[in-house]
Amino acid sequence: MKIKPIKTEEDYRQALERLEEIFNAKSGTPEGDELEILSMLIDKYENENFPINFPDPIEAVKFRMEQLGLKQKDLANAIGYKSRVSEILNKRRKLTLSMIRKLHRKLNIPTDILIKDY
């Protein structure tokens, strides 16, 4: 077991290859321990080099509406009048704290996403 920090693309590629080789290792074995440590190193490298950003709040609302089969009028009770919903979805008006709370409850979108600037 030769574990080392992942610092370069080549290190990363090698770590992924090794991970694939020992992927089915049993827990509590030397290979199982190597698998666990290698997974943590790969995760750290990926988080630092390939971060995943939160989506735009309005795009998240639109996506969730599409998933649930909702129309703009269905958000009127959470946001306000249908015209207000249109202004929000077209980014002509910002979400208020009250709207964020209601959208979170209605659409189950994390508040961390809804409070982001857009």
N, C-alpha and C. Protein backbone atom coordinates (compact mmCIF):
# COMPACT_ATOMS: atom_id res chain seq x y z
N MET A 1 0.85 -1.17 0.00
CA MET A 1 0.00 0.00 0.00
C MET A 1 0.89 1.23 0.00
N LYS A 2 0.88 1.96 -1.10
CA LYS A 2 1.68 3.17 -1.23
C LYS A 2 0.73 4.36 -1.41
N ILE A 3 0.40 5.02 -0.31
CA ILE A 3 -0.54 6.15 -0.34
C ILE A 3 0.27 7.44 -0.31
N LYS A 4 -0.13 8.38 -1.16
CA LYS A 4 0.52 9.68 -1.17
C LYS A 4 -0.52 10.73 -1.55
N PRO A 5 -0.27 11.99 -1.20
CA PRO A 5 -1.22 13.04 -1.57
C PRO A 5 -1.39 13.13 -3.09
N ILE A 6 -2.58 13.54 -3.50
CA ILE A 6 -2.86 13.73 -4.92
C ILE A 6 -2.64 15.21 -5.22
N LYS A 7 -1.59 15.48 -6.01
CA LYS A 7 -1.22 16.87 -6.29
C LYS A 7 -1.35 17.24 -7.75
N THR A 8 -1.30 16.26 -8.63
CA THR A 8 -1.32 16.56 -10.07
C THR A 8 -2.41 15.74 -10.76
N GLU A 9 -2.67 16.08 -12.02
CA GLU A 9 -3.62 15.31 -12.82
C GLU A 9 -3.17 13.86 -12.95
N GLU A 10 -1.86 13.67 -13.09
CA GLU A 10 -1.31 12.31 -13.22
C GLU A 10 -1.53 11.53 -11.92
N ASP A 11 -1.29 12.16 -10.78
CA ASP A 11 -1.56 11.51 -9.48
C ASP A 11 -3.04 11.12 -9.39
N TYR A 12 -3.89 12.02 -9.82
CA TYR A 12 -5.33 11.80 -9.78
C TYR A 12 -5.71 10.61 -10.66
N ARG A 13 -5.18 10.58 -11.88
CA ARG A 13 -5.46 9.48 -12.80
C ARG A 13 -5.02 8.14 -12.20
N GLN A 14 -3.83 8.12 -11.62
CA GLN A 14 -3.31 6.89 -11.02
C GLN A 14 -4.17 6.46 -9.83
N ALA A 15 -4.59 7.43 -9.04
CA ALA A 15 -5.43 7.12 -7.88
C ALA A 15 -6.76 6.52 -8.33
N LEU A 16 -7.35 7.06 -9.39
CA LEU A 16 -8.60 6.52 -9.90
C LEU A 16 -8.42 5.10 -10.43
N GLU A 17 -7.30 4.85 -11.10
CA GLU A 17 -7.03 3.51 -11.60
C GLU A 17 -6.89 2.52 -10.46
N ARG A 18 -6.16 2.93 -9.42
CA ARG A 18 -5.98 2.04 -8.26
C ARG A 18 -7.32 1.83 -7.55
N LEU A 19 -8.10 2.86 -7.43
CA LEU A 19 -9.41 2.75 -6.79
C LEU A 19 -10.26 1.72 -7.52
N GLU A 20 -10.20 1.75 -8.84
CA GLU A 20 -10.96 0.80 -9.64
C GLU A 20 -10.49 -0.63 -9.39
N GLU A 21 -9.18 -0.82 -9.22
CA GLU A 21 -8.62 -2.15 -8.98
C GLU A 21 -9.08 -2.74 -7.65
N ILE A 22 -9.18 -1.90 -6.63
CA ILE A 22 -9.50 -2.39 -5.28
C ILE A 22 -10.93 -2.05 -4.84
N PHE A 23 -11.77 -1.66 -5.77
CA PHE A 23 -13.10 -1.16 -5.46
C PHE A 23 -13.93 -2.12 -4.61
N ASN A 24 -13.79 -3.41 -4.81
CA ASN A 24 -14.59 -4.40 -4.08
C ASN A 24 -13.87 -4.98 -2.88
N ALA A 25 -12.82 -4.31 -2.40
CA ALA A 25 -12.08 -4.80 -1.24
C ALA A 25 -12.98 -4.83 -0.01
N LYS A 26 -12.77 -5.83 0.82
CA LYS A 26 -13.57 -5.97 2.04
C LYS A 26 -13.06 -5.05 3.13
N SER A 27 -13.98 -4.51 3.88
CA SER A 27 -13.64 -3.63 5.00
C SER A 27 -12.81 -4.40 6.03
N GLY A 28 -11.84 -3.74 6.62
CA GLY A 28 -11.00 -4.37 7.65
C GLY A 28 -9.79 -5.08 7.09
N THR A 29 -9.65 -5.12 5.77
CA THR A 29 -8.47 -5.72 5.16
C THR A 29 -7.52 -4.59 4.78
N PRO A 30 -6.24 -4.91 4.53
CA PRO A 30 -5.32 -3.85 4.09
C PRO A 30 -5.82 -3.13 2.83
N GLU A 31 -6.37 -3.87 1.88
CA GLU A 31 -6.91 -3.23 0.67
C GLU A 31 -8.16 -2.41 0.99
N GLY A 32 -8.94 -2.87 1.93
CA GLY A 32 -10.13 -2.12 2.36
C GLY A 32 -9.73 -0.79 2.98
N ASP A 33 -8.66 -0.83 3.81
CA ASP A 33 -8.15 0.41 4.41
C ASP A 33 -7.61 1.35 3.32
N GLU A 34 -6.88 0.78 2.37
CA GLU A 34 -6.35 1.58 1.26
C GLU A 34 -7.49 2.21 0.47
N LEU A 35 -8.55 1.45 0.22
CA LEU A 35 -9.71 1.96 -0.50
C LEU A 35 -10.32 3.15 0.23
N GLU A 36 -10.47 3.04 1.53
CA GLU A 36 -11.06 4.11 2.32
C GLU A 36 -10.20 5.38 2.27
N ILE A 37 -8.91 5.25 2.45
CA ILE A 37 -8.01 6.40 2.44
C ILE A 37 -7.93 7.01 1.04
N LEU A 38 -7.82 6.16 0.03
CA LEU A 38 -7.75 6.63 -1.35
C LEU A 38 -9.03 7.39 -1.73
N SER A 39 -10.17 6.91 -1.28
CA SER A 39 -11.45 7.59 -1.55
C SER A 39 -11.45 8.99 -0.95
N MET A 40 -10.92 9.13 0.26
CA MET A 40 -10.87 10.45 0.90
C MET A 40 -9.93 11.39 0.15
N LEU A 41 -8.80 10.88 -0.29
CA LEU A 41 -7.86 11.70 -1.03
C LEU A 41 -8.44 12.15 -2.38
N ILE A 42 -9.10 11.24 -3.06
CA ILE A 42 -9.73 11.58 -4.34
C ILE A 42 -10.82 12.61 -4.13
N ASP A 43 -11.64 12.43 -3.10
CA ASP A 43 -12.71 13.38 -2.79
C ASP A 43 -12.15 14.77 -2.52
N LYS A 44 -11.08 14.84 -1.73
CA LYS A 44 -10.45 16.12 -1.42
C LYS A 44 -9.93 16.80 -2.69
N TYR A 45 -9.26 16.04 -3.54
CA TYR A 45 -8.72 16.58 -4.79
C TYR A 45 -9.85 17.09 -5.69
N GLU A 46 -10.91 16.30 -5.82
CA GLU A 46 -12.03 16.70 -6.68
C GLU A 46 -12.73 17.95 -6.14
N ASN A 47 -12.92 18.03 -4.83
CA ASN A 47 -13.57 19.21 -4.25
C ASN A 47 -12.74 20.47 -4.47
N GLU A 48 -11.42 20.34 -4.43
CA GLU A 48 -10.55 21.50 -4.62
C GLU A 48 -10.40 21.89 -6.09
N ASN A 49 -10.43 20.90 -6.98
CA ASN A 49 -10.14 21.16 -8.39
C ASN A 49 -11.36 21.16 -9.31
N PHE A 50 -12.44 20.56 -8.86
CA PHE A 50 -13.66 20.50 -9.68
C PHE A 50 -14.87 20.85 -8.81
N PRO A 51 -14.90 22.05 -8.23
CA PRO A 51 -16.00 22.39 -7.34
C PRO A 51 -17.33 22.46 -8.09
N ILE A 52 -18.38 22.09 -7.38
CA ILE A 52 -19.72 22.17 -7.95
C ILE A 52 -20.41 23.35 -7.28
N ASN A 53 -20.76 24.34 -8.07
CA ASN A 53 -21.40 25.54 -7.54
C ASN A 53 -22.91 25.35 -7.44
N PHE A 54 -23.50 26.11 -6.52
CA PHE A 54 -24.94 26.10 -6.40
C PHE A 54 -25.56 26.68 -7.66
N PRO A 55 -26.73 26.19 -8.04
CA PRO A 55 -27.39 26.77 -9.22
C PRO A 55 -27.96 28.15 -8.91
N ASP A 56 -28.24 28.88 -9.94
CA ASP A 56 -28.92 30.16 -9.83
C ASP A 56 -30.28 29.90 -9.16
N PRO A 57 -30.69 30.73 -8.19
CA PRO A 57 -31.95 30.49 -7.47
C PRO A 57 -33.17 30.42 -8.40
N ILE A 58 -33.24 31.30 -9.36
CA ILE A 58 -34.41 31.33 -10.24
C ILE A 58 -34.41 30.11 -11.16
N GLU A 59 -33.24 29.72 -11.63
CA GLU A 59 -33.16 28.51 -12.46
C GLU A 59 -33.54 27.28 -11.64
N ALA A 60 -33.18 27.27 -10.35
CA ALA A 60 -33.57 26.16 -9.47
C ALA A 60 -35.08 26.11 -9.31
N VAL A 61 -35.71 27.27 -9.15
CA VAL A 61 -37.18 27.34 -9.03
C VAL A 61 -37.83 26.83 -10.32
N LYS A 62 -37.34 27.29 -11.46
CA LYS A 62 -37.91 26.86 -12.74
C LYS A 62 -37.75 25.35 -12.93
N PHE A 63 -36.57 24.83 -12.59
CA PHE A 63 -36.31 23.40 -12.73
C PHE A 63 -37.26 22.60 -11.85
N ARG A 64 -37.43 23.04 -10.60
CA ARG A 64 -38.31 22.33 -9.67
C ARG A 64 -39.77 22.42 -10.12
N MET A 65 -40.16 23.57 -10.66
CA MET A 65 -41.52 23.70 -11.19
C MET A 65 -41.75 22.70 -12.32
N GLU A 66 -40.76 22.58 -13.18
CA GLU A 66 -40.85 21.63 -14.30
C GLU A 66 -40.96 20.20 -13.77
N GLN A 67 -40.15 19.86 -12.77
CA GLN A 67 -40.20 18.52 -12.19
C GLN A 67 -41.58 18.20 -11.62
N LEU A 68 -42.19 19.20 -10.98
CA LEU A 68 -43.48 19.00 -10.32
C LEU A 68 -44.67 19.27 -11.23
N GLY A 69 -44.40 19.72 -12.45
CA GLY A 69 -45.47 20.01 -13.39
C GLY A 69 -46.28 21.24 -13.00
N LEU A 70 -45.61 22.22 -12.38
CA LEU A 70 -46.29 23.43 -11.92
C LEU A 70 -46.21 24.53 -12.98
N LYS A 71 -47.19 25.39 -12.97
CA LYS A 71 -47.23 26.57 -13.83
C LYS A 71 -46.99 27.80 -12.96
N GLN A 72 -46.77 28.95 -13.60
CA GLN A 72 -46.53 30.19 -12.85
C GLN A 72 -47.66 30.48 -11.88
N LYS A 73 -48.89 30.23 -12.29
CA LYS A 73 -50.03 30.54 -11.43
C LYS A 73 -50.01 29.71 -10.15
N ASP A 74 -49.34 28.53 -10.18
CA ASP A 74 -49.27 27.68 -9.00
C ASP A 74 -48.37 28.28 -7.91
N LEU A 75 -47.53 29.23 -8.29
CA LEU A 75 -46.64 29.87 -7.30
C LEU A 75 -47.22 31.16 -6.74
N ALA A 76 -48.37 31.56 -7.22
CA ALA A 76 -48.96 32.83 -6.81
C ALA A 76 -49.16 32.89 -5.29
N ASN A 77 -49.54 31.79 -4.64
CA ASN A 77 -49.74 31.84 -3.19
C ASN A 77 -48.42 31.93 -2.43
N ALA A 78 -47.32 31.52 -3.03
CA ALA A 78 -46.02 31.61 -2.36
C ALA A 78 -45.33 32.95 -2.63
N ILE A 79 -45.53 33.49 -3.81
CA ILE A 79 -44.81 34.70 -4.21
C ILE A 79 -45.72 35.93 -4.21
N GLY A 80 -46.95 35.75 -4.56
CA GLY A 80 -47.87 36.89 -4.67
C GLY A 80 -48.67 36.77 -5.94
N TYR A 81 -49.05 37.88 -6.50
CA TYR A 81 -49.84 37.90 -7.73
C TYR A 81 -49.12 37.19 -8.87
N LYS A 82 -49.90 36.77 -9.87
CA LYS A 82 -49.29 36.12 -11.04
C LYS A 82 -48.28 37.04 -11.71
N SER A 83 -48.56 38.34 -11.71
CA SER A 83 -47.61 39.27 -12.32
C SER A 83 -46.31 39.31 -11.53
N ARG A 84 -46.40 39.18 -10.22
CA ARG A 84 -45.20 39.16 -9.37
C ARG A 84 -44.38 37.91 -9.66
N VAL A 85 -45.04 36.78 -9.85
CA VAL A 85 -44.35 35.53 -10.18
C VAL A 85 -43.58 35.72 -11.49
N SER A 86 -44.22 36.33 -12.46
CA SER A 86 -43.58 36.59 -13.75
C SER A 86 -42.35 37.48 -13.58
N GLU A 87 -42.47 38.53 -12.78
CA GLU A 87 -41.32 39.42 -12.54
C GLU A 87 -40.17 38.67 -11.90
N ILE A 88 -40.47 37.82 -10.94
CA ILE A 88 -39.43 37.03 -10.26
C ILE A 88 -38.76 36.07 -11.24
N LEU A 89 -39.57 35.32 -11.99
CA LEU A 89 -39.02 34.31 -12.90
C LEU A 89 -38.26 34.92 -14.07
N ASN A 90 -38.54 36.18 -14.37
CA ASN A 90 -37.80 36.88 -15.43
C ASN A 90 -36.68 37.76 -14.86
N LYS A 91 -36.44 37.62 -13.57
CA LYS A 91 -35.35 38.30 -12.85
C LYS A 91 -35.47 39.82 -12.88
N ARG A 92 -36.70 40.31 -12.94
CA ARG A 92 -36.91 41.75 -12.87
C ARG A 92 -37.17 42.20 -11.43
N ARG A 93 -37.40 41.24 -10.55
CA ARG A 93 -37.64 41.52 -9.14
C ARG A 93 -36.91 40.45 -8.33
N LYS A 94 -36.34 40.85 -7.20
CA LYS A 94 -35.61 39.93 -6.33
C LYS A 94 -36.58 39.20 -5.40
N LEU A 95 -36.15 38.01 -4.99
CA LEU A 95 -36.91 37.26 -3.99
C LEU A 95 -36.77 37.94 -2.63
N THR A 96 -37.86 38.01 -1.88
CA THR A 96 -37.80 38.52 -0.52
C THR A 96 -37.60 37.34 0.43
N LEU A 97 -37.27 37.63 1.66
CA LEU A 97 -37.08 36.58 2.66
C LEU A 97 -38.36 35.76 2.83
N SER A 98 -39.48 36.43 2.84
CA SER A 98 -40.76 35.74 2.96
C SER A 98 -40.99 34.80 1.78
N MET A 99 -40.70 35.27 0.58
CA MET A 99 -40.85 34.43 -0.62
C MET A 99 -39.93 33.22 -0.56
N ILE A 100 -38.70 33.45 -0.11
CA ILE A 100 -37.73 32.36 0.00
C ILE A 100 -38.24 31.28 0.94
N ARG A 101 -38.78 31.69 2.08
CA ARG A 101 -39.32 30.72 3.04
C ARG A 101 -40.48 29.93 2.44
N LYS A 102 -41.37 30.63 1.76
CA LYS A 102 -42.53 29.96 1.17
C LYS A 102 -42.12 29.03 0.04
N LEU A 103 -41.19 29.47 -0.80
CA LEU A 103 -40.71 28.61 -1.89
C LEU A 103 -40.00 27.37 -1.35
N HIS A 104 -39.26 27.57 -0.27
CA HIS A 104 -38.57 26.44 0.37
C HIS A 104 -39.60 25.40 0.82
N ARG A 105 -40.66 25.86 1.46
CA ARG A 105 -41.69 24.93 1.94
C ARG A 105 -42.46 24.29 0.78
N LYS A 106 -42.82 25.08 -0.21
CA LYS A 106 -43.65 24.58 -1.31
C LYS A 106 -42.87 23.68 -2.28
N LEU A 107 -41.64 24.09 -2.62
CA LEU A 107 -40.87 23.38 -3.63
C LEU A 107 -39.76 22.50 -3.06
N ASN A 108 -39.53 22.63 -1.76
CA ASN A 108 -38.47 21.85 -1.10
C ASN A 108 -37.09 22.12 -1.71
N ILE A 109 -36.84 23.38 -2.04
CA ILE A 109 -35.52 23.80 -2.53
C ILE A 109 -34.76 24.30 -1.31
N PRO A 110 -33.52 23.84 -1.10
CA PRO A 110 -32.75 24.31 0.05
C PRO A 110 -32.63 25.84 0.08
N THR A 111 -32.77 26.41 1.25
CA THR A 111 -32.67 27.86 1.39
C THR A 111 -31.28 28.36 1.00
N ASP A 112 -30.25 27.52 1.15
CA ASP A 112 -28.89 27.90 0.73
C ASP A 112 -28.86 28.30 -0.75
N ILE A 113 -29.67 27.64 -1.54
CA ILE A 113 -29.74 27.95 -2.97
C ILE A 113 -30.57 29.20 -3.21
N LEU A 114 -31.71 29.29 -2.54
CA LEU A 114 -32.63 30.40 -2.78
C LEU A 114 -32.08 31.76 -2.35
N ILE A 115 -31.17 31.80 -1.38
CA ILE A 115 -30.65 33.08 -0.90
C ILE A 115 -29.46 33.60 -1.71
N LYS A 116 -28.95 32.78 -2.64
CA LYS A 116 -27.81 33.21 -3.45
C LYS A 116 -28.16 34.41 -4.31
N ASP A 117 -27.16 35.25 -4.58
CA ASP A 117 -27.35 36.39 -5.48
C ASP A 117 -27.56 35.90 -6.91
N TYR A 118 -28.29 36.68 -7.65
CA TYR A 118 -28.49 36.37 -9.07
C TYR A 118 -28.67 37.63 -9.85
